[in-house]
Amino acid sequence: MAESIFIDQSASKAQKYEQLLPQIKALMGDDRDEVAVLANVAAALHHSLAFFWTGFYLVKQNQLILGPFQGPVACMSIAMGRGVCGSAWQQNQTLVVPDVDQFPGHIACSGESRSEIVVVLRSANGTIKGVLDVDSSELNTFDSIDKQYLEQLCDWIGQHIY
């Protein structure tokens, strides 16, 4: 098992993801424990790409319940259709929000969050298991590059642990 992750911070955003994703997969190895995998994925993303908040919300009893994360304390549960996470879950699609203050019904877990991307996490058979939520303290942080690579990562996680 790999013990650390190295990302060339001078690389482009796409290059950083291209360096990071194989290292995450190597770190996980054959481990299929949901909490262990999601915790290390959140830590690897958060620290390698310097996000403000990085974590997972998991579907439990028709709610999104806070799962493994890195960053300040967060909302404990989110209803379907509420905020960016609940909306991504309801719509079954990635949502990229350049300015959270412009998103109708945004849930302000932290006033420091300015932009956000939420990617749906599905099992191998397509069942929604949760969402990956990544926040930035700056506006317009996330784009099609983040969407592409974070969707690839969530697809891999879904195949790997569910």
N, C-alpha and C. Protein backbone atom coordinates (compact mmCIF):
# COMPACT_ATOMS: atom_id res chain seq x y z
N MET A 1 0.83 -1.18 0.00
CA MET A 1 0.00 0.00 0.00
C MET A 1 0.88 1.25 0.00
N ALA A 2 0.55 2.22 -0.85
CA ALA A 2 1.28 3.49 -0.89
C ALA A 2 1.08 4.23 0.42
N GLU A 3 2.09 4.94 0.86
CA GLU A 3 2.00 5.63 2.14
C GLU A 3 1.82 7.12 1.99
N SER A 4 2.09 7.67 0.83
CA SER A 4 1.88 9.09 0.63
C SER A 4 1.53 9.34 -0.82
N ILE A 5 1.01 10.52 -1.06
CA ILE A 5 0.62 10.91 -2.41
C ILE A 5 1.40 12.15 -2.77
N PHE A 6 1.97 12.15 -3.97
CA PHE A 6 2.72 13.31 -4.43
C PHE A 6 2.07 13.86 -5.68
N ILE A 7 1.84 15.16 -5.67
CA ILE A 7 1.30 15.87 -6.83
C ILE A 7 2.23 17.04 -7.12
N ASP A 8 2.62 17.19 -8.37
CA ASP A 8 3.42 18.34 -8.78
C ASP A 8 2.52 19.57 -8.79
N GLN A 9 2.70 20.45 -7.82
CA GLN A 9 1.82 21.61 -7.67
C GLN A 9 1.99 22.63 -8.79
N SER A 10 3.04 22.51 -9.59
CA SER A 10 3.20 23.42 -10.73
C SER A 10 2.47 22.91 -11.98
N ALA A 11 1.92 21.72 -11.90
CA ALA A 11 1.23 21.12 -13.04
C ALA A 11 -0.12 21.79 -13.27
N SER A 12 -0.67 21.59 -14.46
CA SER A 12 -2.02 22.09 -14.76
C SER A 12 -3.04 21.30 -13.93
N LYS A 13 -4.24 21.81 -13.86
CA LYS A 13 -5.30 21.11 -13.11
C LYS A 13 -5.50 19.69 -13.63
N ALA A 14 -5.60 19.54 -14.94
CA ALA A 14 -5.80 18.20 -15.52
C ALA A 14 -4.63 17.28 -15.19
N GLN A 15 -3.41 17.81 -15.27
CA GLN A 15 -2.24 17.00 -14.94
C GLN A 15 -2.23 16.58 -13.48
N LYS A 16 -2.70 17.46 -12.59
CA LYS A 16 -2.77 17.11 -11.17
C LYS A 16 -3.73 15.94 -10.97
N TYR A 17 -4.89 15.99 -11.62
CA TYR A 17 -5.83 14.87 -11.53
C TYR A 17 -5.23 13.60 -12.13
N GLU A 18 -4.53 13.74 -13.26
CA GLU A 18 -3.93 12.58 -13.91
C GLU A 18 -2.84 11.95 -13.03
N GLN A 19 -2.19 12.74 -12.22
CA GLN A 19 -1.21 12.22 -11.26
C GLN A 19 -1.91 11.61 -10.05
N LEU A 20 -2.99 12.25 -9.61
CA LEU A 20 -3.65 11.87 -8.37
C LEU A 20 -4.48 10.58 -8.48
N LEU A 21 -5.29 10.45 -9.51
CA LEU A 21 -6.23 9.32 -9.57
C LEU A 21 -5.53 7.96 -9.52
N PRO A 22 -4.46 7.73 -10.28
CA PRO A 22 -3.79 6.43 -10.16
C PRO A 22 -3.22 6.19 -8.77
N GLN A 23 -2.76 7.25 -8.12
CA GLN A 23 -2.21 7.09 -6.78
C GLN A 23 -3.30 6.74 -5.78
N ILE A 24 -4.49 7.33 -5.94
CA ILE A 24 -5.61 6.97 -5.07
C ILE A 24 -5.97 5.51 -5.26
N LYS A 25 -6.05 5.07 -6.50
CA LYS A 25 -6.39 3.67 -6.77
C LYS A 25 -5.34 2.73 -6.18
N ALA A 26 -4.08 3.10 -6.30
CA ALA A 26 -3.01 2.27 -5.73
C ALA A 26 -3.11 2.25 -4.21
N LEU A 27 -3.39 3.38 -3.61
CA LEU A 27 -3.54 3.47 -2.16
C LEU A 27 -4.66 2.56 -1.66
N MET A 28 -5.76 2.50 -2.39
CA MET A 28 -6.90 1.69 -1.97
C MET A 28 -6.63 0.20 -2.15
N GLY A 29 -5.84 -0.13 -3.16
CA GLY A 29 -5.52 -1.53 -3.39
C GLY A 29 -6.79 -2.37 -3.47
N ASP A 30 -6.82 -3.46 -2.70
CA ASP A 30 -7.98 -4.34 -2.70
C ASP A 30 -8.97 -4.02 -1.57
N ASP A 31 -8.70 -2.98 -0.80
CA ASP A 31 -9.58 -2.63 0.32
C ASP A 31 -10.93 -2.19 -0.23
N ARG A 32 -11.99 -2.78 0.27
CA ARG A 32 -13.33 -2.47 -0.19
C ARG A 32 -14.22 -1.94 0.93
N ASP A 33 -13.62 -1.62 2.08
CA ASP A 33 -14.40 -1.08 3.19
C ASP A 33 -14.82 0.35 2.86
N GLU A 34 -16.12 0.59 2.88
CA GLU A 34 -16.68 1.89 2.47
C GLU A 34 -16.05 3.05 3.24
N VAL A 35 -16.03 2.99 4.56
CA VAL A 35 -15.51 4.10 5.36
C VAL A 35 -14.02 4.31 5.10
N ALA A 36 -13.24 3.25 5.07
CA ALA A 36 -11.81 3.38 4.86
C ALA A 36 -11.50 3.98 3.49
N VAL A 37 -12.15 3.49 2.46
CA VAL A 37 -11.89 4.00 1.12
C VAL A 37 -12.32 5.46 1.00
N LEU A 38 -13.54 5.78 1.44
CA LEU A 38 -14.03 7.15 1.31
C LEU A 38 -13.20 8.13 2.15
N ALA A 39 -12.76 7.70 3.32
CA ALA A 39 -11.95 8.57 4.17
C ALA A 39 -10.62 8.91 3.48
N ASN A 40 -9.96 7.91 2.93
CA ASN A 40 -8.68 8.16 2.27
C ASN A 40 -8.85 8.92 0.96
N VAL A 41 -9.92 8.68 0.23
CA VAL A 41 -10.17 9.45 -0.99
C VAL A 41 -10.39 10.92 -0.63
N ALA A 42 -11.20 11.18 0.38
CA ALA A 42 -11.45 12.57 0.80
C ALA A 42 -10.15 13.24 1.21
N ALA A 43 -9.32 12.56 1.99
CA ALA A 43 -8.05 13.13 2.44
C ALA A 43 -7.12 13.39 1.26
N ALA A 44 -7.03 12.44 0.34
CA ALA A 44 -6.13 12.60 -0.81
C ALA A 44 -6.55 13.78 -1.68
N LEU A 45 -7.84 13.88 -1.98
CA LEU A 45 -8.32 15.01 -2.78
C LEU A 45 -8.09 16.33 -2.06
N HIS A 46 -8.51 16.37 -0.81
CA HIS A 46 -8.47 17.60 -0.02
C HIS A 46 -7.06 18.17 0.08
N HIS A 47 -6.12 17.34 0.44
CA HIS A 47 -4.77 17.82 0.67
C HIS A 47 -3.96 17.98 -0.61
N SER A 48 -4.21 17.15 -1.60
CA SER A 48 -3.47 17.25 -2.85
C SER A 48 -3.90 18.45 -3.69
N LEU A 49 -5.19 18.77 -3.64
CA LEU A 49 -5.72 19.84 -4.49
C LEU A 49 -6.12 21.08 -3.69
N ALA A 50 -5.86 21.06 -2.39
CA ALA A 50 -6.08 22.23 -1.52
C ALA A 50 -7.51 22.78 -1.59
N PHE A 51 -8.48 21.88 -1.46
CA PHE A 51 -9.87 22.31 -1.41
C PHE A 51 -10.22 22.80 -0.01
N PHE A 52 -11.30 23.57 0.11
CA PHE A 52 -11.76 24.06 1.41
C PHE A 52 -12.46 22.96 2.21
N TRP A 53 -13.31 22.20 1.54
CA TRP A 53 -14.04 21.10 2.18
C TRP A 53 -14.20 19.99 1.15
N THR A 54 -13.94 18.77 1.56
CA THR A 54 -14.00 17.63 0.65
C THR A 54 -14.59 16.45 1.41
N GLY A 55 -15.68 15.90 0.93
CA GLY A 55 -16.24 14.76 1.64
C GLY A 55 -17.41 14.12 0.94
N PHE A 56 -17.95 13.14 1.63
CA PHE A 56 -19.03 12.34 1.10
C PHE A 56 -20.26 12.45 1.99
N TYR A 57 -21.41 12.46 1.34
CA TYR A 57 -22.69 12.27 2.01
C TYR A 57 -23.26 10.96 1.47
N LEU A 58 -23.74 10.11 2.36
CA LEU A 58 -24.21 8.78 1.97
C LEU A 58 -25.72 8.68 2.15
N VAL A 59 -26.37 8.01 1.20
CA VAL A 59 -27.82 7.82 1.27
C VAL A 59 -28.14 6.81 2.37
N LYS A 60 -28.90 7.28 3.35
CA LYS A 60 -29.37 6.42 4.44
C LYS A 60 -30.75 6.90 4.85
N GLN A 61 -31.70 5.98 4.84
CA GLN A 61 -33.07 6.28 5.24
C GLN A 61 -33.61 7.51 4.53
N ASN A 62 -33.42 7.55 3.21
CA ASN A 62 -33.93 8.61 2.34
C ASN A 62 -33.41 10.00 2.70
N GLN A 63 -32.20 10.06 3.23
CA GLN A 63 -31.50 11.32 3.51
C GLN A 63 -30.05 11.15 3.06
N LEU A 64 -29.38 12.26 2.86
CA LEU A 64 -27.93 12.23 2.70
C LEU A 64 -27.34 12.49 4.08
N ILE A 65 -26.58 11.52 4.58
CA ILE A 65 -25.98 11.60 5.91
C ILE A 65 -24.48 11.82 5.76
N LEU A 66 -23.93 12.73 6.56
CA LEU A 66 -22.52 13.05 6.51
C LEU A 66 -21.66 11.80 6.64
N GLY A 67 -20.71 11.65 5.74
CA GLY A 67 -19.78 10.54 5.75
C GLY A 67 -18.37 11.07 5.95
N PRO A 68 -17.36 10.30 5.56
CA PRO A 68 -15.98 10.72 5.71
C PRO A 68 -15.72 12.04 4.98
N PHE A 69 -14.97 12.94 5.65
CA PHE A 69 -14.69 14.24 5.05
C PHE A 69 -13.42 14.83 5.63
N GLN A 70 -12.96 15.89 4.98
CA GLN A 70 -11.84 16.72 5.44
C GLN A 70 -12.30 18.17 5.37
N GLY A 71 -12.01 18.93 6.41
CA GLY A 71 -12.38 20.34 6.44
C GLY A 71 -13.15 20.66 7.70
N PRO A 72 -13.72 21.87 7.76
CA PRO A 72 -14.47 22.26 8.96
C PRO A 72 -15.75 21.42 9.13
N VAL A 73 -16.34 21.51 10.33
CA VAL A 73 -17.56 20.75 10.59
C VAL A 73 -18.60 21.04 9.52
N ALA A 74 -19.51 20.09 9.32
CA ALA A 74 -20.44 20.17 8.20
C ALA A 74 -21.86 19.82 8.63
N CYS A 75 -22.79 20.05 7.73
CA CYS A 75 -24.18 19.67 7.95
C CYS A 75 -24.25 18.16 8.14
N MET A 76 -25.09 17.72 9.07
CA MET A 76 -25.18 16.29 9.39
C MET A 76 -26.05 15.51 8.42
N SER A 77 -27.15 16.14 7.96
CA SER A 77 -28.04 15.45 7.02
C SER A 77 -28.65 16.46 6.06
N ILE A 78 -28.96 15.97 4.87
CA ILE A 78 -29.51 16.81 3.82
C ILE A 78 -30.65 16.04 3.15
N ALA A 79 -31.77 16.69 3.01
CA ALA A 79 -32.93 16.07 2.36
C ALA A 79 -32.78 16.10 0.84
N MET A 80 -33.42 15.17 0.19
CA MET A 80 -33.42 15.14 -1.27
C MET A 80 -33.99 16.46 -1.79
N GLY A 81 -33.27 17.04 -2.75
CA GLY A 81 -33.72 18.28 -3.36
C GLY A 81 -33.27 19.54 -2.64
N ARG A 82 -32.66 19.41 -1.46
CA ARG A 82 -32.20 20.58 -0.70
C ARG A 82 -30.74 20.86 -0.99
N GLY A 83 -30.43 22.11 -1.23
CA GLY A 83 -29.06 22.52 -1.46
C GLY A 83 -28.46 21.87 -2.69
N VAL A 84 -27.16 22.06 -2.86
CA VAL A 84 -26.48 21.51 -4.03
C VAL A 84 -26.41 19.98 -3.94
N CYS A 85 -26.08 19.46 -2.76
CA CYS A 85 -25.97 18.00 -2.61
C CYS A 85 -27.30 17.31 -2.84
N GLY A 86 -28.35 17.79 -2.19
CA GLY A 86 -29.66 17.19 -2.34
C GLY A 86 -30.21 17.32 -3.75
N SER A 87 -29.86 18.43 -4.42
CA SER A 87 -30.29 18.62 -5.82
C SER A 87 -29.56 17.69 -6.76
N ALA A 88 -28.25 17.52 -6.56
CA ALA A 88 -27.49 16.58 -7.40
C ALA A 88 -28.04 15.17 -7.24
N TRP A 89 -28.35 14.80 -5.99
CA TRP A 89 -28.93 13.48 -5.71
C TRP A 89 -30.27 13.32 -6.43
N GLN A 90 -31.13 14.31 -6.27
CA GLN A 90 -32.46 14.25 -6.89
C GLN A 90 -32.39 14.19 -8.41
N GLN A 91 -31.48 14.98 -8.99
CA GLN A 91 -31.35 15.05 -10.45
C GLN A 91 -30.45 13.95 -11.02
N ASN A 92 -29.77 13.21 -10.12
CA ASN A 92 -28.87 12.13 -10.53
C ASN A 92 -27.82 12.62 -11.53
N GLN A 93 -27.22 13.78 -11.20
CA GLN A 93 -26.19 14.34 -12.07
C GLN A 93 -25.26 15.26 -11.30
N THR A 94 -24.07 15.43 -11.86
CA THR A 94 -23.09 16.35 -11.28
C THR A 94 -23.59 17.78 -11.41
N LEU A 95 -23.40 18.55 -10.34
CA LEU A 95 -23.72 19.97 -10.36
C LEU A 95 -22.46 20.76 -10.06
N VAL A 96 -22.15 21.72 -10.93
CA VAL A 96 -21.03 22.63 -10.75
C VAL A 96 -21.63 24.00 -10.47
N VAL A 97 -21.27 24.57 -9.32
CA VAL A 97 -21.85 25.84 -8.89
C VAL A 97 -20.72 26.87 -8.74
N PRO A 98 -20.62 27.83 -9.67
CA PRO A 98 -19.55 28.81 -9.62
C PRO A 98 -19.64 29.77 -8.43
N ASP A 99 -20.88 30.06 -7.99
CA ASP A 99 -21.11 30.97 -6.87
C ASP A 99 -22.28 30.42 -6.06
N VAL A 100 -21.98 29.86 -4.90
CA VAL A 100 -23.03 29.21 -4.10
C VAL A 100 -24.11 30.19 -3.67
N ASP A 101 -23.77 31.47 -3.55
CA ASP A 101 -24.78 32.47 -3.16
C ASP A 101 -25.84 32.66 -4.23
N GLN A 102 -25.55 32.22 -5.45
CA GLN A 102 -26.51 32.33 -6.55
C GLN A 102 -27.32 31.04 -6.75
N PHE A 103 -27.05 30.02 -5.95
CA PHE A 103 -27.76 28.74 -6.08
C PHE A 103 -29.00 28.78 -5.19
N PRO A 104 -30.19 28.68 -5.79
CA PRO A 104 -31.42 28.74 -4.99
C PRO A 104 -31.45 27.62 -3.93
N GLY A 105 -31.63 27.99 -2.68
CA GLY A 105 -31.74 27.02 -1.60
C GLY A 105 -30.41 26.48 -1.12
N HIS A 106 -29.31 27.13 -1.47
CA HIS A 106 -28.00 26.67 -1.01
C HIS A 106 -27.98 26.56 0.51
N ILE A 107 -27.43 25.48 1.01
CA ILE A 107 -27.30 25.27 2.46
C ILE A 107 -25.91 25.75 2.85
N ALA A 108 -25.86 26.78 3.67
CA ALA A 108 -24.57 27.36 4.07
C ALA A 108 -24.04 26.66 5.31
N CYS A 109 -23.40 25.52 5.13
CA CYS A 109 -22.75 24.85 6.26
C CYS A 109 -21.60 25.70 6.76
N SER A 110 -20.96 26.42 5.84
CA SER A 110 -19.89 27.35 6.20
C SER A 110 -20.01 28.57 5.31
N GLY A 111 -19.94 29.74 5.92
CA GLY A 111 -19.99 30.98 5.17
C GLY A 111 -18.75 31.20 4.32
N GLU A 112 -17.71 30.41 4.54
CA GLU A 112 -16.48 30.54 3.76
C GLU A 112 -16.54 29.82 2.42
N SER A 113 -17.51 28.95 2.23
CA SER A 113 -17.66 28.23 0.97
C SER A 113 -18.22 29.19 -0.08
N ARG A 114 -17.53 29.26 -1.23
CA ARG A 114 -17.95 30.20 -2.27
C ARG A 114 -18.36 29.50 -3.57
N SER A 115 -17.73 28.36 -3.88
CA SER A 115 -18.12 27.59 -5.07
C SER A 115 -18.06 26.11 -4.71
N GLU A 116 -18.74 25.29 -5.53
CA GLU A 116 -18.95 23.89 -5.13
C GLU A 116 -19.15 23.00 -6.36
N ILE A 117 -18.74 21.75 -6.22
CA ILE A 117 -19.07 20.71 -7.19
C ILE A 117 -19.56 19.51 -6.40
N VAL A 118 -20.64 18.91 -6.87
CA VAL A 118 -21.19 17.72 -6.24
C VAL A 118 -21.36 16.65 -7.32
N VAL A 119 -20.76 15.49 -7.07
CA VAL A 119 -20.75 14.38 -8.03
C VAL A 119 -21.50 13.21 -7.40
N VAL A 120 -22.41 12.62 -8.16
CA VAL A 120 -23.19 11.48 -7.67
C VAL A 120 -22.31 10.23 -7.63
N LEU A 121 -22.43 9.50 -6.54
CA LEU A 121 -21.69 8.26 -6.32
C LEU A 121 -22.67 7.10 -6.49
N ARG A 122 -22.43 6.26 -7.51
CA ARG A 122 -23.34 5.15 -7.82
C ARG A 122 -22.63 3.81 -7.66
N SER A 123 -23.41 2.81 -7.29
CA SER A 123 -22.89 1.45 -7.23
C SER A 123 -22.72 0.92 -8.65
N ALA A 124 -22.13 -0.26 -8.76
CA ALA A 124 -21.91 -0.88 -10.06
C ALA A 124 -23.22 -1.07 -10.83
N ASN A 125 -24.33 -1.26 -10.10
CA ASN A 125 -25.62 -1.47 -10.79
C ASN A 125 -26.39 -0.16 -10.98
N GLY A 126 -25.77 0.98 -10.67
CA GLY A 126 -26.40 2.27 -10.92
C GLY A 126 -27.17 2.87 -9.76
N THR A 127 -27.28 2.16 -8.64
CA THR A 127 -27.97 2.68 -7.47
C THR A 127 -27.17 3.84 -6.86
N ILE A 128 -27.83 4.94 -6.57
CA ILE A 128 -27.14 6.07 -5.97
C ILE A 128 -26.84 5.74 -4.52
N LYS A 129 -25.54 5.78 -4.18
CA LYS A 129 -25.08 5.47 -2.82
C LYS A 129 -24.78 6.74 -2.02
N GLY A 130 -24.57 7.85 -2.71
CA GLY A 130 -24.26 9.11 -2.04
C GLY A 130 -23.74 10.12 -3.03
N VAL A 131 -23.06 11.13 -2.49
CA VAL A 131 -22.46 12.15 -3.33
C VAL A 131 -21.09 12.52 -2.78
N LEU A 132 -20.21 12.93 -3.68
CA LEU A 132 -18.94 13.57 -3.33
C LEU A 132 -19.19 15.06 -3.42
N ASP A 133 -18.91 15.76 -2.33
CA ASP A 133 -19.12 17.20 -2.24
C ASP A 133 -17.77 17.87 -2.04
N VAL A 134 -17.43 18.81 -2.93
CA VAL A 134 -16.16 19.53 -2.81
C VAL A 134 -16.47 21.02 -2.87
N ASP A 135 -15.97 21.75 -1.87
CA ASP A 135 -16.19 23.19 -1.77
C ASP A 135 -14.86 23.92 -1.87
N SER A 136 -14.93 25.14 -2.38
CA SER A 136 -13.79 26.03 -2.44
C SER A 136 -14.13 27.34 -1.74
N SER A 137 -13.12 27.98 -1.18
CA SER A 137 -13.33 29.28 -0.54
C SER A 137 -13.22 30.41 -1.56
N GLU A 138 -13.07 30.06 -2.83
CA GLU A 138 -13.00 31.05 -3.91
C GLU A 138 -14.11 30.80 -4.92
N LEU A 139 -14.55 31.86 -5.59
CA LEU A 139 -15.54 31.74 -6.65
C LEU A 139 -14.95 31.03 -7.87
N ASN A 140 -15.83 30.41 -8.65
CA ASN A 140 -15.47 29.84 -9.97
C ASN A 140 -14.29 28.88 -9.94
N THR A 141 -14.20 28.07 -8.91
CA THR A 141 -13.07 27.14 -8.80
C THR A 141 -13.24 25.93 -9.71
N PHE A 142 -14.47 25.45 -9.86
CA PHE A 142 -14.70 24.16 -10.52
C PHE A 142 -15.18 24.35 -11.95
N ASP A 143 -14.76 23.42 -12.81
CA ASP A 143 -15.09 23.52 -14.23
C ASP A 143 -15.23 22.12 -14.82
N SER A 144 -15.21 22.04 -16.14
CA SER A 144 -15.39 20.75 -16.82
C SER A 144 -14.25 19.78 -16.52
N ILE A 145 -13.07 20.29 -16.21
CA ILE A 145 -11.94 19.41 -15.87
C ILE A 145 -12.22 18.70 -14.55
N ASP A 146 -12.64 19.48 -13.54
CA ASP A 146 -13.00 18.86 -12.25
C ASP A 146 -14.12 17.85 -12.45
N LYS A 147 -15.13 18.24 -13.21
CA LYS A 147 -16.28 17.36 -13.45
C LYS A 147 -15.81 16.05 -14.07
N GLN A 148 -15.00 16.12 -15.11
CA GLN A 148 -14.53 14.92 -15.80
C GLN A 148 -13.78 13.98 -14.85
N TYR A 149 -12.81 14.51 -14.13
CA TYR A 149 -11.97 13.64 -13.31
C TYR A 149 -12.67 13.18 -12.03
N LEU A 150 -13.47 14.04 -11.43
CA LEU A 150 -14.19 13.61 -10.22
C LEU A 150 -15.27 12.60 -10.56
N GLU A 151 -15.89 12.71 -11.73
CA GLU A 151 -16.84 11.68 -12.17
C GLU A 151 -16.12 10.36 -12.41
N GLN A 152 -14.93 10.41 -13.02
CA GLN A 152 -14.15 9.18 -13.22
C GLN A 152 -13.82 8.54 -11.87
N LEU A 153 -13.42 9.37 -10.92
CA LEU A 153 -13.08 8.86 -9.59
C LEU A 153 -14.30 8.23 -8.93
N CYS A 154 -15.44 8.91 -8.98
CA CYS A 154 -16.65 8.36 -8.35
C CYS A 154 -17.11 7.09 -9.05
N ASP A 155 -16.96 7.03 -10.36
CA ASP A 155 -17.30 5.79 -11.08
C ASP A 155 -16.42 4.65 -10.60
N TRP A 156 -15.13 4.93 -10.45
CA TRP A 156 -14.21 3.90 -9.96
C TRP A 156 -14.58 3.48 -8.54
N ILE A 157 -14.86 4.43 -7.66
CA ILE A 157 -15.24 4.10 -6.28
C ILE A 157 -16.48 3.21 -6.29
N GLY A 158 -17.47 3.57 -7.07
CA GLY A 158 -18.70 2.79 -7.15
C GLY A 158 -18.45 1.36 -7.60
N GLN A 159 -17.58 1.19 -8.58
CA GLN A 159 -17.23 -0.16 -9.05
C GLN A 159 -16.41 -0.90 -8.01
N HIS A 160 -15.59 -0.17 -7.27
CA HIS A 160 -14.62 -0.76 -6.36
C HIS A 160 -15.25 -1.23 -5.04
N ILE A 161 -16.16 -0.44 -4.49
CA ILE A 161 -16.64 -0.79 -3.14
C ILE A 161 -18.12 -1.19 -3.06
N TYR A 162 -18.89 -0.98 -4.12
CA TYR A 162 -20.33 -1.32 -3.98
C TYR A 162 -20.70 -2.48 -4.89
